[in-house]
């Protein structure tokens, strides 16, 4: 089973349910304040009576966006509990295909991770776009790398920072584990169709692990999505002279980016489908997406298919 990490929200959901039942009891006794609360709750329920549990696993790159949306959704629908983890795109897709979670979050298309028979039973929701790029320790003086240089570093053929214009120091490569959608996106942009077996000096589980390790390791390099950038802990690096900014992703000027997917089963329950509809609503797309450092799909001038081919809209 997966370790869902939203116990606080579960507690709030249970507390809300207990409070609602208590309110009903008081109202039955003629308590005017409880009656007002009951009337307000009834008005909310009248809009749409949705209840149930939504669980997710998958990409850690946009877990914060999903969590922020979940908080807003649960405020709106207090009888729904949403909880989940960010254990990587591969695990999320495997879990939703197996039915152990109701939503699988992924930086990559399900076709790249699952068998065709599993994919055909899932429904894809493209909820945002995110840029991803190389990041280095604060002591590293290199601030611009070409795709060819990145290929050399992450294949193990370039091992010293002086080879790419930096100090004479061994490069420490912090990679993500196999199954990570962030790793798949990064390697697709850097290596194209070439296979790469180089693991680096460490393979880390989550984006948060990369942040922590990078901030405490000199001469290191890794890669993160823009929403996990933190100038106080490490430095972002240009790619081919292009700044790693969302506006440079719109037209593929900055070449490392992914569409964020949320997959559910074709026969998903009402609470799950309602939450996924909410992810595509203005409340999320016109507010939370950009607040969390992502790009609304509607702003993109290009699209990317499952093979990685980029075309104009």
C-alpha atoms as a PDB file:
ATOM      1  CA  UNK A   1       0.000   0.000   0.000  1.00  0.00           C
ATOM      2  CA  UNK A   2       1.084   3.563  -0.512  1.00  0.00           C
ATOM      3  CA  UNK A   3       1.863   5.916   2.362  1.00  0.00           C
ATOM      4  CA  UNK A   4      -0.559   8.783   1.911  1.00  0.00           C
ATOM      5  CA  UNK A   5       0.743  11.917   3.545  1.00  0.00           C
ATOM      6  CA  UNK A   6      -2.310  14.090   4.106  1.00  0.00           C
ATOM      7  CA  UNK A   7      -3.331  13.042   7.613  1.00  0.00           C
ATOM      8  CA  UNK A   8      -3.991  16.678   8.584  1.00  0.00           C
ATOM      9  CA  UNK A   9      -6.568  17.053   5.834  1.00  0.00           C
ATOM     10  CA  UNK A  10      -8.098  13.688   6.744  1.00  0.00           C
ATOM     11  CA  UNK A  11      -8.405  14.927  10.325  1.00  0.00           C
ATOM     12  CA  UNK A  12     -10.016  18.146   9.135  1.00  0.00           C
ATOM     13  CA  UNK A  13     -12.408  16.179   6.947  1.00  0.00           C
ATOM     14  CA  UNK A  14     -13.395  13.929   9.855  1.00  0.00           C
ATOM     15  CA  UNK A  15     -13.641  16.901  12.178  1.00  0.00           C
ATOM     16  CA  UNK A  16     -15.860  18.648   9.669  1.00  0.00           C
ATOM     17  CA  UNK A  17     -18.109  15.615   9.461  1.00  0.00           C
ATOM     18  CA  UNK A  18     -18.372  15.387  13.261  1.00  0.00           C
ATOM     19  CA  UNK A  19     -19.089  19.097  13.490  1.00  0.00           C
ATOM     20  CA  UNK A  20     -21.791  18.803  10.846  1.00  0.00           C
ATOM     21  CA  UNK A  21     -23.481  15.957  12.744  1.00  0.00           C
ATOM     22  CA  UNK A  22     -23.223  17.918  15.986  1.00  0.00           C
ATOM     23  CA  UNK A  23     -24.791  20.895  14.247  1.00  0.00           C
ATOM     24  CA  UNK A  24     -27.713  18.769  13.105  1.00  0.00           C
ATOM     25  CA  UNK A  25     -28.258  17.551  16.640  1.00  0.00           C
ATOM     26  CA  UNK A  26     -28.237  21.065  18.069  1.00  0.00           C
ATOM     27  CA  UNK A  27     -30.560  22.278  15.347  1.00  0.00           C
ATOM     28  CA  UNK A  28     -33.026  19.571  16.305  1.00  0.00           C
ATOM     29  CA  UNK A  29     -32.966  21.011  19.822  1.00  0.00           C
ATOM     30  CA  UNK A  30     -33.921  24.467  18.530  1.00  0.00           C
ATOM     31  CA  UNK A  31     -30.470  26.116  18.747  1.00  0.00           C
ATOM     32  CA  UNK A  32     -30.706  29.196  16.482  1.00  0.00           C
ATOM     33  CA  UNK A  33     -26.959  29.437  15.760  1.00  0.00           C
ATOM     34  CA  UNK A  34     -26.852  25.785  14.792  1.00  0.00           C
ATOM     35  CA  UNK A  35     -29.915  26.283  12.616  1.00  0.00           C
ATOM     36  CA  UNK A  36     -28.132  29.078  10.745  1.00  0.00           C
ATOM     37  CA  UNK A  37     -25.070  26.888  10.284  1.00  0.00           C
ATOM     38  CA  UNK A  38     -27.293  24.078   9.089  1.00  0.00           C
ATOM     39  CA  UNK A  39     -28.961  26.365   6.581  1.00  0.00           C
ATOM     40  CA  UNK A  40     -25.578  27.505   5.241  1.00  0.00           C
ATOM     41  CA  UNK A  41     -24.353  23.910   4.958  1.00  0.00           C
ATOM     42  CA  UNK A  42     -27.561  22.901   3.225  1.00  0.00           C
ATOM     43  CA  UNK A  43     -27.095  25.695   0.709  1.00  0.00           C
ATOM     44  CA  UNK A  44     -23.596  24.463  -0.108  1.00  0.00           C
ATOM     45  CA  UNK A  45     -24.763  20.878  -0.399  1.00  0.00           C
ATOM     46  CA  UNK A  46     -27.564  21.939  -2.703  1.00  0.00           C
ATOM     47  CA  UNK A  47     -25.001  23.104  -5.283  1.00  0.00           C
ATOM     48  CA  UNK A  48     -23.612  19.590  -5.646  1.00  0.00           C
ATOM     49  CA  UNK A  49     -23.682  16.667  -3.249  1.00  0.00           C
ATOM     50  CA  UNK A  50     -20.265  15.056  -3.690  1.00  0.00           C
ATOM     51  CA  UNK A  51     -18.649  12.744  -1.163  1.00  0.00           C
ATOM     52  CA  UNK A  52     -15.859  10.191  -1.170  1.00  0.00           C
ATOM     53  CA  UNK A  53     -12.111   9.679  -1.028  1.00  0.00           C
ATOM     54  CA  UNK A  54      -9.682  10.651  -3.781  1.00  0.00           C
ATOM     55  CA  UNK A  55      -6.162   9.207  -3.647  1.00  0.00           C
ATOM     56  CA  UNK A  56      -3.195   9.933  -5.866  1.00  0.00           C
ATOM     57  CA  UNK A  57       0.458   9.112  -6.389  1.00  0.00           C
ATOM     58  CA  UNK A  58       3.024  10.077  -8.988  1.00  0.00           C
ATOM     59  CA  UNK A  59       5.133  13.022 -10.082  1.00  0.00           C
ATOM     60  CA  UNK A  60       6.578  15.061  -7.239  1.00  0.00           C
ATOM     61  CA  UNK A  61       7.218  17.941  -9.665  1.00  0.00           C
ATOM     62  CA  UNK A  62       3.625  19.204  -9.470  1.00  0.00           C
ATOM     63  CA  UNK A  63       2.506  17.628  -6.221  1.00  0.00           C
ATOM     64  CA  UNK A  64       2.373  21.093  -4.604  1.00  0.00           C
ATOM     65  CA  UNK A  65      -0.062  22.257  -7.308  1.00  0.00           C
ATOM     66  CA  UNK A  66      -2.290  19.225  -6.736  1.00  0.00           C
ATOM     67  CA  UNK A  67      -2.173  19.764  -2.971  1.00  0.00           C
ATOM     68  CA  UNK A  68      -3.111  23.438  -3.300  1.00  0.00           C
ATOM     69  CA  UNK A  69      -6.025  22.543  -5.590  1.00  0.00           C
ATOM     70  CA  UNK A  70      -7.087  19.760  -3.219  1.00  0.00           C
ATOM     71  CA  UNK A  71      -7.275  22.204  -0.304  1.00  0.00           C
ATOM     72  CA  UNK A  72      -9.570  24.514  -2.289  1.00  0.00           C
ATOM     73  CA  UNK A  73     -11.685  21.604  -3.493  1.00  0.00           C
ATOM     74  CA  UNK A  74     -12.122  20.180   0.018  1.00  0.00           C
ATOM     75  CA  UNK A  75     -13.134  23.606   1.289  1.00  0.00           C
ATOM     76  CA  UNK A  76     -15.834  23.596  -1.360  1.00  0.00           C
ATOM     77  CA  UNK A  77     -16.821  19.957  -0.849  1.00  0.00           C
ATOM     78  CA  UNK A  78     -16.107  19.046   2.806  1.00  0.00           C
ATOM     79  CA  UNK A  79     -17.399  15.488   2.361  1.00  0.00           C
ATOM     80  CA  UNK A  80     -14.498  14.698   0.012  1.00  0.00           C
ATOM     81  CA  UNK A  81     -11.083  13.706   1.371  1.00  0.00           C
ATOM     82  CA  UNK A  82      -8.095  13.987  -1.001  1.00  0.00           C
ATOM     83  CA  UNK A  83      -4.710  12.526  -0.047  1.00  0.00           C
ATOM     84  CA  UNK A  84      -1.618  11.301  -1.809  1.00  0.00           C
ATOM     85  CA  UNK A  85       2.120  11.149  -2.344  1.00  0.00           C
ATOM     86  CA  UNK A  86       4.738  12.033  -4.939  1.00  0.00           C
ATOM     87  CA  UNK A  87       6.713   8.849  -5.534  1.00  0.00           C
ATOM     88  CA  UNK A  88       7.479   9.451  -9.208  1.00  0.00           C
ATOM     89  CA  UNK A  89       5.530   9.280 -12.456  1.00  0.00           C
ATOM     90  CA  UNK A  90       6.201   5.586 -13.028  1.00  0.00           C
ATOM     91  CA  UNK A  91       4.813   4.565  -9.638  1.00  0.00           C
ATOM     92  CA  UNK A  92       1.822   6.844 -10.023  1.00  0.00           C
ATOM     93  CA  UNK A  93       0.906   5.437 -13.419  1.00  0.00           C
ATOM     94  CA  UNK A  94       1.389   1.863 -12.235  1.00  0.00           C
ATOM     95  CA  UNK A  95      -0.769   2.553  -9.181  1.00  0.00           C
ATOM     96  CA  UNK A  96      -3.694   4.098 -11.070  1.00  0.00           C
ATOM     97  CA  UNK A  97      -3.583   1.294 -13.646  1.00  0.00           C
ATOM     98  CA  UNK A  98      -3.688  -1.250 -10.798  1.00  0.00           C
ATOM     99  CA  UNK A  99      -6.498   0.625  -9.043  1.00  0.00           C
ATOM    100  CA  UNK A 100      -4.591   1.238  -5.813  1.00  0.00           C
ATOM    101  CA  UNK A 101      -5.051   5.009  -6.259  1.00  0.00           C
ATOM    102  CA  UNK A 102      -7.752   6.887  -8.147  1.00  0.00           C
ATOM    103  CA  UNK A 103      -5.373   9.370  -9.848  1.00  0.00           C
ATOM    104  CA  UNK A 104      -1.888   8.909 -11.278  1.00  0.00           C
ATOM    105  CA  UNK A 105       0.133  12.120 -11.732  1.00  0.00           C
ATOM    106  CA  UNK A 106       2.801  12.065 -14.406  1.00  0.00           C
ATOM    107  CA  UNK A 107       5.315  14.284 -16.215  1.00  0.00           C
ATOM    108  CA  UNK A 108       5.152  11.898 -19.166  1.00  0.00           C
ATOM    109  CA  UNK A 109       2.496  10.220 -21.273  1.00  0.00           C
ATOM    110  CA  UNK A 110       1.257   6.914 -19.889  1.00  0.00           C
ATOM    111  CA  UNK A 111       2.252   5.271 -23.175  1.00  0.00           C
ATOM    112  CA  UNK A 112       5.907   5.663 -22.214  1.00  0.00           C
ATOM    113  CA  UNK A 113       5.512   3.727 -18.948  1.00  0.00           C
ATOM    114  CA  UNK A 114       2.615   1.281 -19.276  1.00  0.00           C
ATOM    115  CA  UNK A 115       1.491  -1.540 -21.539  1.00  0.00           C
ATOM    116  CA  UNK A 116      -1.098  -0.661 -24.187  1.00  0.00           C
ATOM    117  CA  UNK A 117      -3.813  -2.686 -22.455  1.00  0.00           C
ATOM    118  CA  UNK A 118      -3.331  -0.625 -19.294  1.00  0.00           C
ATOM    119  CA  UNK A 119      -3.238   2.700 -21.122  1.00  0.00           C
ATOM    120  CA  UNK A 120      -6.523   2.097 -22.944  1.00  0.00           C
ATOM    121  CA  UNK A 121      -8.346   1.875 -19.616  1.00  0.00           C
ATOM    122  CA  UNK A 122      -7.142   5.316 -18.492  1.00  0.00           C
ATOM    123  CA  UNK A 123      -8.283   8.870 -19.233  1.00  0.00           C
ATOM    124  CA  UNK A 124      -5.664  11.634 -19.540  1.00  0.00           C
ATOM    125  CA  UNK A 125      -6.184  15.140 -18.174  1.00  0.00           C
ATOM    126  CA  UNK A 126      -3.486  17.636 -19.201  1.00  0.00           C
ATOM    127  CA  UNK A 127      -3.526  20.147 -16.354  1.00  0.00           C
ATOM    128  CA  UNK A 128      -0.430  22.325 -16.849  1.00  0.00           C
ATOM    129  CA  UNK A 129       2.978  22.700 -18.467  1.00  0.00           C
ATOM    130  CA  UNK A 130       6.245  22.969 -16.559  1.00  0.00           C
ATOM    131  CA  UNK A 131       9.756  23.948 -17.530  1.00  0.00           C
ATOM    132  CA  UNK A 132      12.660  21.900 -16.194  1.00  0.00           C
ATOM    133  CA  UNK A 133      16.350  22.656 -16.251  1.00  0.00           C
ATOM    134  CA  UNK A 134      19.797  22.044 -14.799  1.00  0.00           C
ATOM    135  CA  UNK A 135      20.662  23.410 -11.364  1.00  0.00           C
ATOM    136  CA  UNK A 136      24.075  23.575  -9.688  1.00  0.00           C
ATOM    137  CA  UNK A 137      25.581  24.091  -6.231  1.00  0.00           C
ATOM    138  CA  UNK A 138      26.089  27.685  -5.113  1.00  0.00           C
ATOM    139  CA  UNK A 139      29.882  27.363  -5.433  1.00  0.00           C
ATOM    140  CA  UNK A 140      29.747  26.361  -9.126  1.00  0.00           C
ATOM    141  CA  UNK A 141      30.633  29.308 -11.406  1.00  0.00           C
ATOM    142  CA  UNK A 142      29.179  27.875 -14.628  1.00  0.00           C
ATOM    143  CA  UNK A 143      25.866  29.548 -15.540  1.00  0.00           C
ATOM    144  CA  UNK A 144      25.263  28.347 -19.115  1.00  0.00           C
ATOM    145  CA  UNK A 145      25.496  24.873 -20.628  1.00  0.00           C
ATOM    146  CA  UNK A 146      24.741  23.546 -24.085  1.00  0.00           C
ATOM    147  CA  UNK A 147      22.681  20.399 -24.630  1.00  0.00           C
ATOM    148  CA  UNK A 148      25.891  18.701 -25.806  1.00  0.00           C
ATOM    149  CA  UNK A 149      27.667  19.634 -22.564  1.00  0.00           C
ATOM    150  CA  UNK A 150      24.732  18.391 -20.512  1.00  0.00           C
ATOM    151  CA  UNK A 151      24.864  15.137 -22.436  1.00  0.00           C
ATOM    152  CA  UNK A 152      28.555  14.799 -21.580  1.00  0.00           C
ATOM    153  CA  UNK A 153      27.988  15.480 -17.887  1.00  0.00           C
ATOM    154  CA  UNK A 154      24.990  13.190 -17.474  1.00  0.00           C
ATOM    155  CA  UNK A 155      26.608  10.384 -19.460  1.00  0.00           C
ATOM    156  CA  UNK A 156      29.807  10.552 -17.401  1.00  0.00           C
ATOM    157  CA  UNK A 157      32.123  11.617 -20.230  1.00  0.00           C
ATOM    158  CA  UNK A 158      32.584  15.140 -18.824  1.00  0.00           C
ATOM    159  CA  UNK A 159      33.740  14.784 -15.229  1.00  0.00           C
ATOM    160  CA  UNK A 160      35.429  18.086 -14.300  1.00  0.00           C
ATOM    161  CA  UNK A 161      33.924  21.574 -14.192  1.00  0.00           C
ATOM    162  CA  UNK A 162      36.990  22.999 -15.962  1.00  0.00           C
ATOM    163  CA  UNK A 163      35.892  21.117 -19.112  1.00  0.00           C
ATOM    164  CA  UNK A 164      32.854  23.408 -19.354  1.00  0.00           C
ATOM    165  CA  UNK A 165      34.447  26.669 -18.225  1.00  0.00           C
ATOM    166  CA  UNK A 166      34.374  26.227 -14.463  1.00  0.00           C
ATOM    167  CA  UNK A 167      36.907  25.562 -11.727  1.00  0.00           C
ATOM    168  CA  UNK A 168      39.150  22.523 -11.560  1.00  0.00           C
ATOM    169  CA  UNK A 169      36.790  20.333  -9.512  1.00  0.00           C
ATOM    170  CA  UNK A 170      35.151  16.949  -9.969  1.00  0.00           C
ATOM    171  CA  UNK A 171      31.497  17.175 -10.999  1.00  0.00           C
ATOM    172  CA  UNK A 172      29.067  15.499  -8.601  1.00  0.00           C
ATOM    173  CA  UNK A 173      26.061  14.263 -10.593  1.00  0.00           C
ATOM    174  CA  UNK A 174      22.790  14.004  -8.658  1.00  0.00           C
ATOM    175  CA  UNK A 175      20.342  12.068 -10.789  1.00  0.00           C
ATOM    176  CA  UNK A 176      16.711  11.061 -10.284  1.00  0.00           C
ATOM    177  CA  UNK A 177      15.773   7.416 -10.021  1.00  0.00           C
ATOM    178  CA  UNK A 178      14.495   5.429 -12.986  1.00  0.00           C
ATOM    179  CA  UNK A 179      10.740   5.925 -13.242  1.00  0.00           C
ATOM    180  CA  UNK A 180      10.934   9.635 -12.528  1.00  0.00           C
ATOM    181  CA  UNK A 181       9.028  11.676 -15.091  1.00  0.00           C
ATOM    182  CA  UNK A 182      11.351  14.616 -14.488  1.00  0.00           C
ATOM    183  CA  UNK A 183      14.317  12.418 -15.383  1.00  0.00           C
ATOM    184  CA  UNK A 184      12.511  11.105 -18.470  1.00  0.00           C
ATOM    185  CA  UNK A 185      11.735  14.651 -19.626  1.00  0.00           C
ATOM    186  CA  UNK A 186      15.284  15.852 -19.009  1.00  0.00           C
ATOM    187  CA  UNK A 187      16.894  12.879 -20.781  1.00  0.00           C
ATOM    188  CA  UNK A 188      14.484  13.115 -23.724  1.00  0.00           C
ATOM    189  CA  UNK A 189      15.602  16.711 -24.317  1.00  0.00           C
ATOM    190  CA  UNK A 190      19.309  16.042 -23.743  1.00  0.00           C
ATOM    191  CA  UNK A 191      19.815  12.559 -25.183  1.00  0.00           C
ATOM    192  CA  UNK A 192      16.936  12.463 -27.667  1.00  0.00           C
ATOM    193  CA  UNK A 193      16.554   8.796 -28.617  1.00  0.00           C
ATOM    194  CA  UNK A 194      19.996   7.754 -27.375  1.00  0.00           C
ATOM    195  CA  UNK A 195      20.098   5.300 -24.476  1.00  0.00           C
ATOM    196  CA  UNK A 196      21.861   6.428 -21.315  1.00  0.00           C
ATOM    197  CA  UNK A 197      22.819   4.028 -18.532  1.00  0.00           C
ATOM    198  CA  UNK A 198      24.873   6.460 -16.438  1.00  0.00           C
ATOM    199  CA  UNK A 199      23.443   6.726 -12.913  1.00  0.00           C
ATOM    200  CA  UNK A 200      25.674   9.479 -11.541  1.00  0.00           C
ATOM    201  CA  UNK A 201      26.859   9.779  -7.956  1.00  0.00           C
ATOM    202  CA  UNK A 202      23.368   9.439  -6.485  1.00  0.00           C
ATOM    203  CA  UNK A 203      19.860   8.634  -7.693  1.00  0.00           C
ATOM    204  CA  UNK A 204      17.259  10.505  -5.687  1.00  0.00           C
ATOM    205  CA  UNK A 205      13.571   9.768  -5.215  1.00  0.00           C
ATOM    206  CA  UNK A 206      11.914  13.164  -5.254  1.00  0.00           C
ATOM    207  CA  UNK A 207      12.368  16.795  -6.254  1.00  0.00           C
ATOM    208  CA  UNK A 208      12.557  17.716  -2.581  1.00  0.00           C
ATOM    209  CA  UNK A 209      15.454  15.290  -2.138  1.00  0.00           C
ATOM    210  CA  UNK A 210      17.303  17.024  -4.982  1.00  0.00           C
ATOM    211  CA  UNK A 211      16.773  20.414  -3.324  1.00  0.00           C
ATOM    212  CA  UNK A 212      18.133  19.156  -0.013  1.00  0.00           C
ATOM    213  CA  UNK A 213      21.121  17.292  -1.439  1.00  0.00           C
ATOM    214  CA  UNK A 214      22.093  20.059  -3.835  1.00  0.00           C
ATOM    215  CA  UNK A 215      22.051  22.718  -1.135  1.00  0.00           C
ATOM    216  CA  UNK A 216      24.475  20.705   1.022  1.00  0.00           C
ATOM    217  CA  UNK A 217      26.863  19.421  -1.682  1.00  0.00           C
ATOM    218  CA  UNK A 218      29.607  21.411  -3.404  1.00  0.00           C
ATOM    219  CA  UNK A 219      30.352  21.055  -7.146  1.00  0.00           C
ATOM    220  CA  UNK A 220      27.062  19.241  -7.788  1.00  0.00           C
ATOM    221  CA  UNK A 221      24.611  19.355 -10.686  1.00  0.00           C
ATOM    222  CA  UNK A 222      21.091  18.043 -11.058  1.00  0.00           C
ATOM    223  CA  UNK A 223      17.822  19.123 -12.677  1.00  0.00           C
ATOM    224  CA  UNK A 224      14.502  20.359 -11.334  1.00  0.00           C
ATOM    225  CA  UNK A 225      11.239  21.768 -12.567  1.00  0.00           C
ATOM    226  CA  UNK A 226      10.963  25.550 -12.317  1.00  0.00           C
ATOM    227  CA  UNK A 227       8.505  25.368  -9.404  1.00  0.00           C
ATOM    228  CA  UNK A 228      11.248  23.812  -7.244  1.00  0.00           C
ATOM    229  CA  UNK A 229      13.900  26.441  -8.028  1.00  0.00           C
ATOM    230  CA  UNK A 230      15.311  28.174  -4.951  1.00  0.00           C
ATOM    231  CA  UNK A 231      17.984  30.824  -5.506  1.00  0.00           C
ATOM    232  CA  UNK A 232      18.922  30.746  -1.837  1.00  0.00           C
ATOM    233  CA  UNK A 233      20.030  27.106  -2.045  1.00  0.00           C
ATOM    234  CA  UNK A 234      21.383  26.569  -5.580  1.00  0.00           C
ATOM    235  CA  UNK A 235      21.713  28.261  -8.964  1.00  0.00           C
ATOM    236  CA  UNK A 236      19.660  27.719 -12.100  1.00  0.00           C
ATOM    237  CA  UNK A 237      21.636  27.332 -15.339  1.00  0.00           C
ATOM    238  CA  UNK A 238      20.831  28.646 -18.805  1.00  0.00           C
ATOM    239  CA  UNK A 239      20.567  26.115 -21.638  1.00  0.00           C
ATOM    240  CA  UNK A 240      21.991  27.178 -25.004  1.00  0.00           C
ATOM    241  CA  UNK A 241      22.045  30.752 -23.680  1.00  0.00           C
ATOM    242  CA  UNK A 242      18.307  30.766 -22.906  1.00  0.00           C
ATOM    243  CA  UNK A 243      17.056  31.683 -19.432  1.00  0.00           C
ATOM    244  CA  UNK A 244      15.006  29.006 -17.658  1.00  0.00           C
ATOM    245  CA  UNK A 245      11.791  31.025 -17.499  1.00  0.00           C
ATOM    246  CA  UNK A 246       8.185  30.109 -18.243  1.00  0.00           C
ATOM    247  CA  UNK A 247       7.863  32.684 -21.030  1.00  0.00           C
ATOM    248  CA  UNK A 248      10.714  30.945 -22.861  1.00  0.00           C
ATOM    249  CA  UNK A 249       8.857  27.650 -22.717  1.00  0.00           C
ATOM    250  CA  UNK A 250       5.721  28.934 -24.507  1.00  0.00           C
ATOM    251  CA  UNK A 251       7.316  28.553 -27.957  1.00  0.00           C
ATOM    252  CA  UNK A 252       9.923  25.867 -27.100  1.00  0.00           C
ATOM    253  CA  UNK A 253      12.766  28.403 -27.001  1.00  0.00           C
ATOM    254  CA  UNK A 254      13.769  26.767 -23.728  1.00  0.00           C
ATOM    255  CA  UNK A 255      13.831  23.103 -24.780  1.00  0.00           C
ATOM    256  CA  UNK A 256      13.295  21.172 -21.535  1.00  0.00           C
ATOM    257  CA  UNK A 257       9.646  21.044 -20.503  1.00  0.00           C
ATOM    258  CA  UNK A 258       6.770  18.671 -19.951  1.00  0.00           C
ATOM    259  CA  UNK A 259       3.017  18.569 -19.929  1.00  0.00           C
ATOM    260  CA  UNK A 260       1.663  17.554 -16.544  1.00  0.00           C
ATOM    261  CA  UNK A 261      -0.862  14.730 -16.736  1.00  0.00           C
ATOM    262  CA  UNK A 262      -3.424  13.428 -14.263  1.00  0.00           C
ATOM    263  CA  UNK A 263      -4.759  10.012 -15.241  1.00  0.00           C
ATOM    264  CA  UNK A 264      -7.833   8.267 -13.897  1.00  0.00           C
ATOM    265  CA  UNK A 265      -9.693   5.079 -14.777  1.00  0.00           C
ATOM    266  CA  UNK A 266     -12.472   5.306 -17.359  1.00  0.00           C
ATOM    267  CA  UNK A 267     -14.930   4.228 -14.650  1.00  0.00           C
ATOM    268  CA  UNK A 268     -13.577   6.611 -12.005  1.00  0.00           C
ATOM    269  CA  UNK A 269     -15.937   7.560  -9.168  1.00  0.00           C
ATOM    270  CA  UNK A 270     -17.761  10.878  -8.963  1.00  0.00           C
ATOM    271  CA  UNK A 271     -15.408  12.466  -6.395  1.00  0.00           C
ATOM    272  CA  UNK A 272     -12.371  11.712  -8.563  1.00  0.00           C
ATOM    273  CA  UNK A 273     -13.912  13.018 -11.785  1.00  0.00           C
ATOM    274  CA  UNK A 274     -15.207  16.121  -9.998  1.00  0.00           C
ATOM    275  CA  UNK A 275     -11.722  16.891  -8.665  1.00  0.00           C
ATOM    276  CA  UNK A 276     -10.189  16.429 -12.121  1.00  0.00           C
ATOM    277  CA  UNK A 277     -12.823  18.750 -13.600  1.00  0.00           C
ATOM    278  CA  UNK A 278     -11.888  21.244 -10.880  1.00  0.00           C
ATOM    279  CA  UNK A 279      -8.206  21.011 -11.915  1.00  0.00           C
ATOM    280  CA  UNK A 280      -9.276  22.313 -15.347  1.00  0.00           C
ATOM    281  CA  UNK A 281     -11.538  25.055 -13.976  1.00  0.00           C
ATOM    282  CA  UNK A 282     -10.700  28.769 -13.872  1.00  0.00           C
ATOM    283  CA  UNK A 283     -10.163  28.500 -10.106  1.00  0.00           C
ATOM    284  CA  UNK A 284      -7.072  26.402 -10.814  1.00  0.00           C
ATOM    285  CA  UNK A 285      -6.034  27.323 -14.348  1.00  0.00           C
ATOM    286  CA  UNK A 286      -6.284  31.098 -13.938  1.00  0.00           C
ATOM    287  CA  UNK A 287      -5.036  31.250 -10.361  1.00  0.00           C
ATOM    288  CA  UNK A 288      -3.187  28.316  -8.833  1.00  0.00           C
ATOM    289  CA  UNK A 289      -1.310  27.155 -11.936  1.00  0.00           C
ATOM    290  CA  UNK A 290       0.718  30.340 -12.297  1.00  0.00           C
ATOM    291  CA  UNK A 291       0.921  30.927  -8.526  1.00  0.00           C
ATOM    292  CA  UNK A 292       2.602  27.527  -8.212  1.00  0.00           C
ATOM    293  CA  UNK A 293       5.098  28.283 -11.004  1.00  0.00           C
ATOM    294  CA  UNK A 294       3.417  26.408 -13.846  1.00  0.00           C
ATOM    295  CA  UNK A 295       2.049  27.396 -17.247  1.00  0.00           C
ATOM    296  CA  UNK A 296      -1.623  27.023 -18.218  1.00  0.00           C
ATOM    297  CA  UNK A 297      -1.911  24.705 -21.210  1.00  0.00           C
ATOM    298  CA  UNK A 298      -3.915  27.410 -22.997  1.00  0.00           C
ATOM    299  CA  UNK A 299      -0.875  29.740 -23.067  1.00  0.00           C
ATOM    300  CA  UNK A 300       1.354  27.314 -24.944  1.00  0.00           C
ATOM    301  CA  UNK A 301       2.076  28.057 -28.602  1.00  0.00           C
ATOM    302  CA  UNK A 302       3.347  24.520 -29.181  1.00  0.00           C
ATOM    303  CA  UNK A 303       2.360  20.994 -28.167  1.00  0.00           C
ATOM    304  CA  UNK A 304       4.430  17.890 -27.494  1.00  0.00           C
ATOM    305  CA  UNK A 305       3.266  14.362 -28.267  1.00  0.00           C
ATOM    306  CA  UNK A 306       4.118  11.057 -26.575  1.00  0.00           C
ATOM    307  CA  UNK A 307       7.152  10.596 -28.839  1.00  0.00           C
ATOM    308  CA  UNK A 308       8.526  14.008 -27.798  1.00  0.00           C
ATOM    309  CA  UNK A 309       7.783  15.674 -31.138  1.00  0.00           C
ATOM    310  CA  UNK A 310       7.008  19.384 -30.775  1.00  0.00           C
ATOM    311  CA  UNK A 311       4.650  21.109 -33.215  1.00  0.00           C
ATOM    312  CA  UNK A 312       2.943  24.483 -33.388  1.00  0.00           C
ATOM    313  CA  UNK A 313      -0.672  24.639 -32.281  1.00  0.00           C
END
